[in-house]
C-alpha atoms as a PDB file:
ATOM      1  CA  UNK A   1     -36.330 104.651  30.800  1.00  0.00           C
ATOM      2  CA  UNK A   2     -35.919 108.177  30.783  1.00  0.00           C
ATOM      3  CA  UNK A   3     -34.837 109.462  27.709  1.00  0.00           C
ATOM      4  CA  UNK A   4     -31.707 111.061  28.645  1.00  0.00           C
ATOM      5  CA  UNK A   5     -30.503 107.827  30.129  1.00  0.00           C
ATOM      6  CA  UNK A   6     -31.065 106.037  26.756  1.00  0.00           C
ATOM      7  CA  UNK A   7     -29.174 108.737  25.172  1.00  0.00           C
ATOM      8  CA  UNK A   8     -25.972 108.457  27.532  1.00  0.00           C
ATOM      9  CA  UNK A   9     -25.795 104.094  27.074  1.00  0.00           C
ATOM     10  CA  UNK A  10     -25.933 104.617  23.746  1.00  0.00           C
ATOM     11  CA  UNK A  11     -23.456 107.151  23.595  1.00  0.00           C
ATOM     12  CA  UNK A  12     -21.161 105.225  25.767  1.00  0.00           C
ATOM     13  CA  UNK A  13     -22.150 102.173  23.562  1.00  0.00           C
ATOM     14  CA  UNK A  14     -21.221 104.045  20.427  1.00  0.00           C
ATOM     15  CA  UNK A  15     -17.879 105.445  21.613  1.00  0.00           C
ATOM     16  CA  UNK A  16     -17.034 101.971  23.026  1.00  0.00           C
ATOM     17  CA  UNK A  17     -17.405 100.623  19.872  1.00  0.00           C
ATOM     18  CA  UNK A  18     -16.222 103.223  17.243  1.00  0.00           C
ATOM     19  CA  UNK A  19     -14.452 105.656  19.523  1.00  0.00           C
ATOM     20  CA  UNK A  20     -15.267 109.328  19.661  1.00  0.00           C
ATOM     21  CA  UNK A  21     -13.962 110.208  16.132  1.00  0.00           C
ATOM     22  CA  UNK A  22     -16.192 107.747  14.809  1.00  0.00           C
ATOM     23  CA  UNK A  23     -19.233 108.140  16.719  1.00  0.00           C
ATOM     24  CA  UNK A  24     -21.932 110.277  14.683  1.00  0.00           C
ATOM     25  CA  UNK A  25     -24.780 112.089  16.704  1.00  0.00           C
ATOM     26  CA  UNK A  26     -26.782 109.710  14.165  1.00  0.00           C
ATOM     27  CA  UNK A  27     -25.421 106.269  15.481  1.00  0.00           C
ATOM     28  CA  UNK A  28     -26.270 107.318  18.863  1.00  0.00           C
ATOM     29  CA  UNK A  29     -29.518 108.342  17.873  1.00  0.00           C
ATOM     30  CA  UNK A  30     -30.118 105.325  16.060  1.00  0.00           C
ATOM     31  CA  UNK A  31     -28.762 103.278  19.253  1.00  0.00           C
ATOM     32  CA  UNK A  32     -31.185 104.341  21.592  1.00  0.00           C
ATOM     33  CA  UNK A  33     -34.219 104.736  19.520  1.00  0.00           C
ATOM     34  CA  UNK A  34     -34.535 108.313  19.128  1.00  0.00           C
ATOM     35  CA  UNK A  35     -34.636 111.307  16.778  1.00  0.00           C
ATOM     36  CA  UNK A  36     -31.542 112.882  16.561  1.00  0.00           C
ATOM     37  CA  UNK A  37     -33.443 116.390  17.450  1.00  0.00           C
ATOM     38  CA  UNK A  38     -34.328 114.906  21.053  1.00  0.00           C
ATOM     39  CA  UNK A  39     -30.402 114.127  21.551  1.00  0.00           C
ATOM     40  CA  UNK A  40     -29.994 117.866  21.106  1.00  0.00           C
ATOM     41  CA  UNK A  41     -32.510 118.688  23.545  1.00  0.00           C
ATOM     42  CA  UNK A  42     -29.914 117.387  26.537  1.00  0.00           C
ATOM     43  CA  UNK A  43     -26.307 118.087  24.493  1.00  0.00           C
ATOM     44  CA  UNK A  44     -25.734 120.861  22.221  1.00  0.00           C
ATOM     45  CA  UNK A  45     -22.745 118.431  20.570  1.00  0.00           C
ATOM     46  CA  UNK A  46     -21.250 115.291  20.783  1.00  0.00           C
ATOM     47  CA  UNK A  47     -18.098 117.125  22.960  1.00  0.00           C
ATOM     48  CA  UNK A  48     -20.699 117.614  25.681  1.00  0.00           C
ATOM     49  CA  UNK A  49     -22.364 113.945  25.421  1.00  0.00           C
ATOM     50  CA  UNK A  50     -19.060 113.364  25.119  1.00  0.00           C
ATOM     51  CA  UNK A  51     -17.953 114.595  28.294  1.00  0.00           C
ATOM     52  CA  UNK A  52     -20.796 113.857  30.039  1.00  0.00           C
ATOM     53  CA  UNK A  53     -19.610 110.294  29.279  1.00  0.00           C
ATOM     54  CA  UNK A  54     -16.304 110.911  30.933  1.00  0.00           C
ATOM     55  CA  UNK A  55     -18.165 112.114  34.066  1.00  0.00           C
ATOM     56  CA  UNK A  56     -19.249 109.062  34.643  1.00  0.00           C
ATOM     57  CA  UNK A  57     -16.206 107.110  33.819  1.00  0.00           C
ATOM     58  CA  UNK A  58     -14.509 109.289  36.495  1.00  0.00           C
ATOM     59  CA  UNK A  59     -16.982 108.174  38.808  1.00  0.00           C
ATOM     60  CA  UNK A  60     -16.740 104.445  37.872  1.00  0.00           C
ATOM     61  CA  UNK A  61     -13.398 104.648  38.407  1.00  0.00           C
ATOM     62  CA  UNK A  62     -13.552 106.629  41.587  1.00  0.00           C
ATOM     63  CA  UNK A  63     -16.137 103.626  43.060  1.00  0.00           C
ATOM     64  CA  UNK A  64     -14.032 100.889  42.059  1.00  0.00           C
ATOM     65  CA  UNK A  65     -11.171 102.405  44.217  1.00  0.00           C
ATOM     66  CA  UNK A  66     -12.798 103.323  46.941  1.00  0.00           C
ATOM     67  CA  UNK A  67     -13.944  99.790  47.158  1.00  0.00           C
ATOM     68  CA  UNK A  68     -10.261  98.718  47.929  1.00  0.00           C
ATOM     69  CA  UNK A  69      -9.308 101.494  49.731  1.00  0.00           C
ATOM     70  CA  UNK A  70      -8.618 100.283  53.625  1.00  0.00           C
ATOM     71  CA  UNK A  71      -7.854 102.778  56.534  1.00  0.00           C
ATOM     72  CA  UNK A  72      -5.950  99.888  58.309  1.00  0.00           C
ATOM     73  CA  UNK A  73      -3.740  98.910  55.697  1.00  0.00           C
ATOM     74  CA  UNK A  74      -0.226 100.499  55.036  1.00  0.00           C
ATOM     75  CA  UNK A  75       0.536 102.668  52.297  1.00  0.00           C
ATOM     76  CA  UNK A  76       2.167 100.777  50.185  1.00  0.00           C
ATOM     77  CA  UNK A  77      -0.649  97.916  50.515  1.00  0.00           C
ATOM     78  CA  UNK A  78      -3.481 100.882  49.736  1.00  0.00           C
ATOM     79  CA  UNK A  79      -1.708 102.095  46.891  1.00  0.00           C
ATOM     80  CA  UNK A  80      -1.050  98.663  45.243  1.00  0.00           C
ATOM     81  CA  UNK A  81      -4.547  97.657  45.706  1.00  0.00           C
ATOM     82  CA  UNK A  82      -5.615 100.640  43.867  1.00  0.00           C
ATOM     83  CA  UNK A  83      -3.256 100.789  40.932  1.00  0.00           C
ATOM     84  CA  UNK A  84      -4.115  97.348  40.388  1.00  0.00           C
ATOM     85  CA  UNK A  85      -7.835  97.808  40.264  1.00  0.00           C
ATOM     86  CA  UNK A  86      -7.508 100.699  37.938  1.00  0.00           C
ATOM     87  CA  UNK A  87      -5.280  98.653  35.927  1.00  0.00           C
ATOM     88  CA  UNK A  88      -8.005  95.721  36.344  1.00  0.00           C
ATOM     89  CA  UNK A  89     -10.946  98.723  35.275  1.00  0.00           C
ATOM     90  CA  UNK A  90      -8.905  99.883  32.255  1.00  0.00           C
ATOM     91  CA  UNK A  91      -8.225  96.021  30.884  1.00  0.00           C
ATOM     92  CA  UNK A  92     -11.835  94.918  31.525  1.00  0.00           C
ATOM     93  CA  UNK A  93     -13.981  98.457  30.342  1.00  0.00           C
ATOM     94  CA  UNK A  94     -14.655  98.515  26.950  1.00  0.00           C
ATOM     95  CA  UNK A  95     -14.573 102.310  26.413  1.00  0.00           C
ATOM     96  CA  UNK A  96     -11.988 103.007  28.367  1.00  0.00           C
ATOM     97  CA  UNK A  97     -10.067 100.146  26.005  1.00  0.00           C
ATOM     98  CA  UNK A  98     -11.129 102.458  23.087  1.00  0.00           C
ATOM     99  CA  UNK A  99     -10.226 105.394  23.957  1.00  0.00           C
ATOM    100  CA  UNK A 100      -6.491 104.243  24.711  1.00  0.00           C
ATOM    101  CA  UNK A 101      -6.621 102.564  21.939  1.00  0.00           C
ATOM    102  CA  UNK A 102      -7.985 105.987  19.847  1.00  0.00           C
ATOM    103  CA  UNK A 103      -5.537 108.186  22.173  1.00  0.00           C
ATOM    104  CA  UNK A 104      -2.777 106.014  20.811  1.00  0.00           C
ATOM    105  CA  UNK A 105      -3.271 105.634  17.644  1.00  0.00           C
ATOM    106  CA  UNK A 106      -5.560 108.325  16.525  1.00  0.00           C
ATOM    107  CA  UNK A 107      -4.259 111.288  18.720  1.00  0.00           C
ATOM    108  CA  UNK A 108      -7.645 112.773  18.732  1.00  0.00           C
ATOM    109  CA  UNK A 109      -7.356 115.941  20.540  1.00  0.00           C
ATOM    110  CA  UNK A 110     -10.985 115.310  22.314  1.00  0.00           C
ATOM    111  CA  UNK A 111      -9.729 112.170  23.251  1.00  0.00           C
ATOM    112  CA  UNK A 112      -6.082 113.270  24.834  1.00  0.00           C
ATOM    113  CA  UNK A 113      -7.756 115.874  26.831  1.00  0.00           C
ATOM    114  CA  UNK A 114     -10.327 113.579  28.194  1.00  0.00           C
ATOM    115  CA  UNK A 115      -7.686 110.915  29.147  1.00  0.00           C
ATOM    116  CA  UNK A 116      -5.721 113.787  30.542  1.00  0.00           C
ATOM    117  CA  UNK A 117      -9.116 114.684  32.997  1.00  0.00           C
ATOM    118  CA  UNK A 118      -9.234 110.404  33.646  1.00  0.00           C
ATOM    119  CA  UNK A 119      -5.297 110.617  34.646  1.00  0.00           C
ATOM    120  CA  UNK A 120      -5.197 113.524  36.958  1.00  0.00           C
ATOM    121  CA  UNK A 121      -8.471 112.632  38.515  1.00  0.00           C
ATOM    122  CA  UNK A 122      -6.824 109.243  39.712  1.00  0.00           C
ATOM    123  CA  UNK A 123      -3.733 111.587  40.339  1.00  0.00           C
ATOM    124  CA  UNK A 124      -5.910 113.674  42.800  1.00  0.00           C
ATOM    125  CA  UNK A 125      -7.069 110.834  44.085  1.00  0.00           C
ATOM    126  CA  UNK A 126      -3.713 109.612  45.363  1.00  0.00           C
ATOM    127  CA  UNK A 127      -2.462 112.585  46.167  1.00  0.00           C
ATOM    128  CA  UNK A 128      -4.947 111.859  49.122  1.00  0.00           C
ATOM    129  CA  UNK A 129      -3.982 108.875  50.183  1.00  0.00           C
ATOM    130  CA  UNK A 130      -0.357 109.643  50.223  1.00  0.00           C
ATOM    131  CA  UNK A 131      -1.306 113.002  52.261  1.00  0.00           C
ATOM    132  CA  UNK A 132      -2.963 110.571  54.648  1.00  0.00           C
ATOM    133  CA  UNK A 133      -0.052 108.712  55.200  1.00  0.00           C
ATOM    134  CA  UNK A 134       2.116 112.025  55.263  1.00  0.00           C
ATOM    135  CA  UNK A 135      -0.131 113.085  58.077  1.00  0.00           C
ATOM    136  CA  UNK A 136       0.229 109.509  59.835  1.00  0.00           C
ATOM    137  CA  UNK A 137       3.761 109.948  60.134  1.00  0.00           C
ATOM    138  CA  UNK A 138       3.576 106.683  57.577  1.00  0.00           C
ATOM    139  CA  UNK A 139       5.947 108.263  55.013  1.00  0.00           C
ATOM    140  CA  UNK A 140       8.376 111.087  54.621  1.00  0.00           C
ATOM    141  CA  UNK A 141       6.813 114.538  54.044  1.00  0.00           C
ATOM    142  CA  UNK A 142       6.756 115.094  49.842  1.00  0.00           C
ATOM    143  CA  UNK A 143       4.904 116.112  47.954  1.00  0.00           C
ATOM    144  CA  UNK A 144       2.441 114.315  47.403  1.00  0.00           C
ATOM    145  CA  UNK A 145       0.787 115.167  43.986  1.00  0.00           C
ATOM    146  CA  UNK A 146       4.167 114.145  42.539  1.00  0.00           C
ATOM    147  CA  UNK A 147       4.316 111.015  44.250  1.00  0.00           C
ATOM    148  CA  UNK A 148       1.029 110.102  43.013  1.00  0.00           C
ATOM    149  CA  UNK A 149       2.573 111.109  39.595  1.00  0.00           C
ATOM    150  CA  UNK A 150       5.359 109.318  39.867  1.00  0.00           C
ATOM    151  CA  UNK A 151       3.775 105.913  41.171  1.00  0.00           C
ATOM    152  CA  UNK A 152       1.395 106.147  38.396  1.00  0.00           C
ATOM    153  CA  UNK A 153       3.162 106.313  35.692  1.00  0.00           C
ATOM    154  CA  UNK A 154       5.873 103.662  37.807  1.00  0.00           C
ATOM    155  CA  UNK A 155       2.984 101.153  37.767  1.00  0.00           C
ATOM    156  CA  UNK A 156       2.276 101.243  34.230  1.00  0.00           C
ATOM    157  CA  UNK A 157       5.923 101.306  33.547  1.00  0.00           C
ATOM    158  CA  UNK A 158       5.828  97.628  34.999  1.00  0.00           C
ATOM    159  CA  UNK A 159       2.607  96.897  33.942  1.00  0.00           C
ATOM    160  CA  UNK A 160       2.499  97.624  30.369  1.00  0.00           C
ATOM    161  CA  UNK A 161       6.082  99.134  28.905  1.00  0.00           C
ATOM    162  CA  UNK A 162       8.113  96.058  30.749  1.00  0.00           C
ATOM    163  CA  UNK A 163       5.977  93.143  29.612  1.00  0.00           C
ATOM    164  CA  UNK A 164       6.809  94.283  25.432  1.00  0.00           C
ATOM    165  CA  UNK A 165      10.068  92.822  26.351  1.00  0.00           C
ATOM    166  CA  UNK A 166       9.817  90.853  29.556  1.00  0.00           C
ATOM    167  CA  UNK A 167       7.524  88.479  30.958  1.00  0.00           C
ATOM    168  CA  UNK A 168       5.133  90.364  32.961  1.00  0.00           C
ATOM    169  CA  UNK A 169       5.682  91.106  36.521  1.00  0.00           C
ATOM    170  CA  UNK A 170       3.615  89.681  39.348  1.00  0.00           C
ATOM    171  CA  UNK A 171       1.624  91.581  41.474  1.00  0.00           C
ATOM    172  CA  UNK A 172       3.967  90.960  44.204  1.00  0.00           C
ATOM    173  CA  UNK A 173       6.531  91.937  42.891  1.00  0.00           C
ATOM    174  CA  UNK A 174       5.768  95.035  41.837  1.00  0.00           C
ATOM    175  CA  UNK A 175       4.561  95.864  45.223  1.00  0.00           C
ATOM    176  CA  UNK A 176       8.278  94.973  46.328  1.00  0.00           C
ATOM    177  CA  UNK A 177       9.670  97.324  43.872  1.00  0.00           C
ATOM    178  CA  UNK A 178       7.538 100.039  45.102  1.00  0.00           C
ATOM    179  CA  UNK A 179       8.364  99.295  48.398  1.00  0.00           C
ATOM    180  CA  UNK A 180      12.492  99.897  47.122  1.00  0.00           C
ATOM    181  CA  UNK A 181      12.426 102.407  45.127  1.00  0.00           C
ATOM    182  CA  UNK A 182       9.741 104.218  46.573  1.00  0.00           C
ATOM    183  CA  UNK A 183       9.675 103.715  50.031  1.00  0.00           C
ATOM    184  CA  UNK A 184      12.387 102.483  51.125  1.00  0.00           C
ATOM    185  CA  UNK A 185      14.829 104.671  48.311  1.00  0.00           C
ATOM    186  CA  UNK A 186      18.081 103.181  47.095  1.00  0.00           C
ATOM    187  CA  UNK A 187      20.169 104.380  50.086  1.00  0.00           C
ATOM    188  CA  UNK A 188      21.546 101.973  51.879  1.00  0.00           C
END
């Protein structure tokens, strides 16, 4: 097997188990069954190695998003399907779970910046979906990036924040709320 690939797999495993802050190059070397010097032939620093892992994470999320898009569906269905898939990915992907936890509990700056990059990549992808809907006349002209940001934040607030004090909302209920608040608006 390619040594660089072994190192990346070992690093992803270590970051998933211990988080960014607690992962050391020694741990990665041990998990990859290579000498620490071998790691440095591919990656100058832990930050560079982590950056490569985050790039891979973003590519995985993009793949997940593309798997649920349907050009014949409405903007509401596409956005809802994308957000549901992203949430499911976040809830089941061990590295993402650990990074969200580290960001929340420790505020490790490198992790905060990485998670902002991940979020920004999701927003940019959704921006494209929204722009297509504008171009097709499916929704009013709006700032697609701001709209994508609002949709992402609203979705995670309804899924994560809401259920702290209320019963969880069903996927269909969230879709109806999106339609009411974002697509139809509250004006009668």
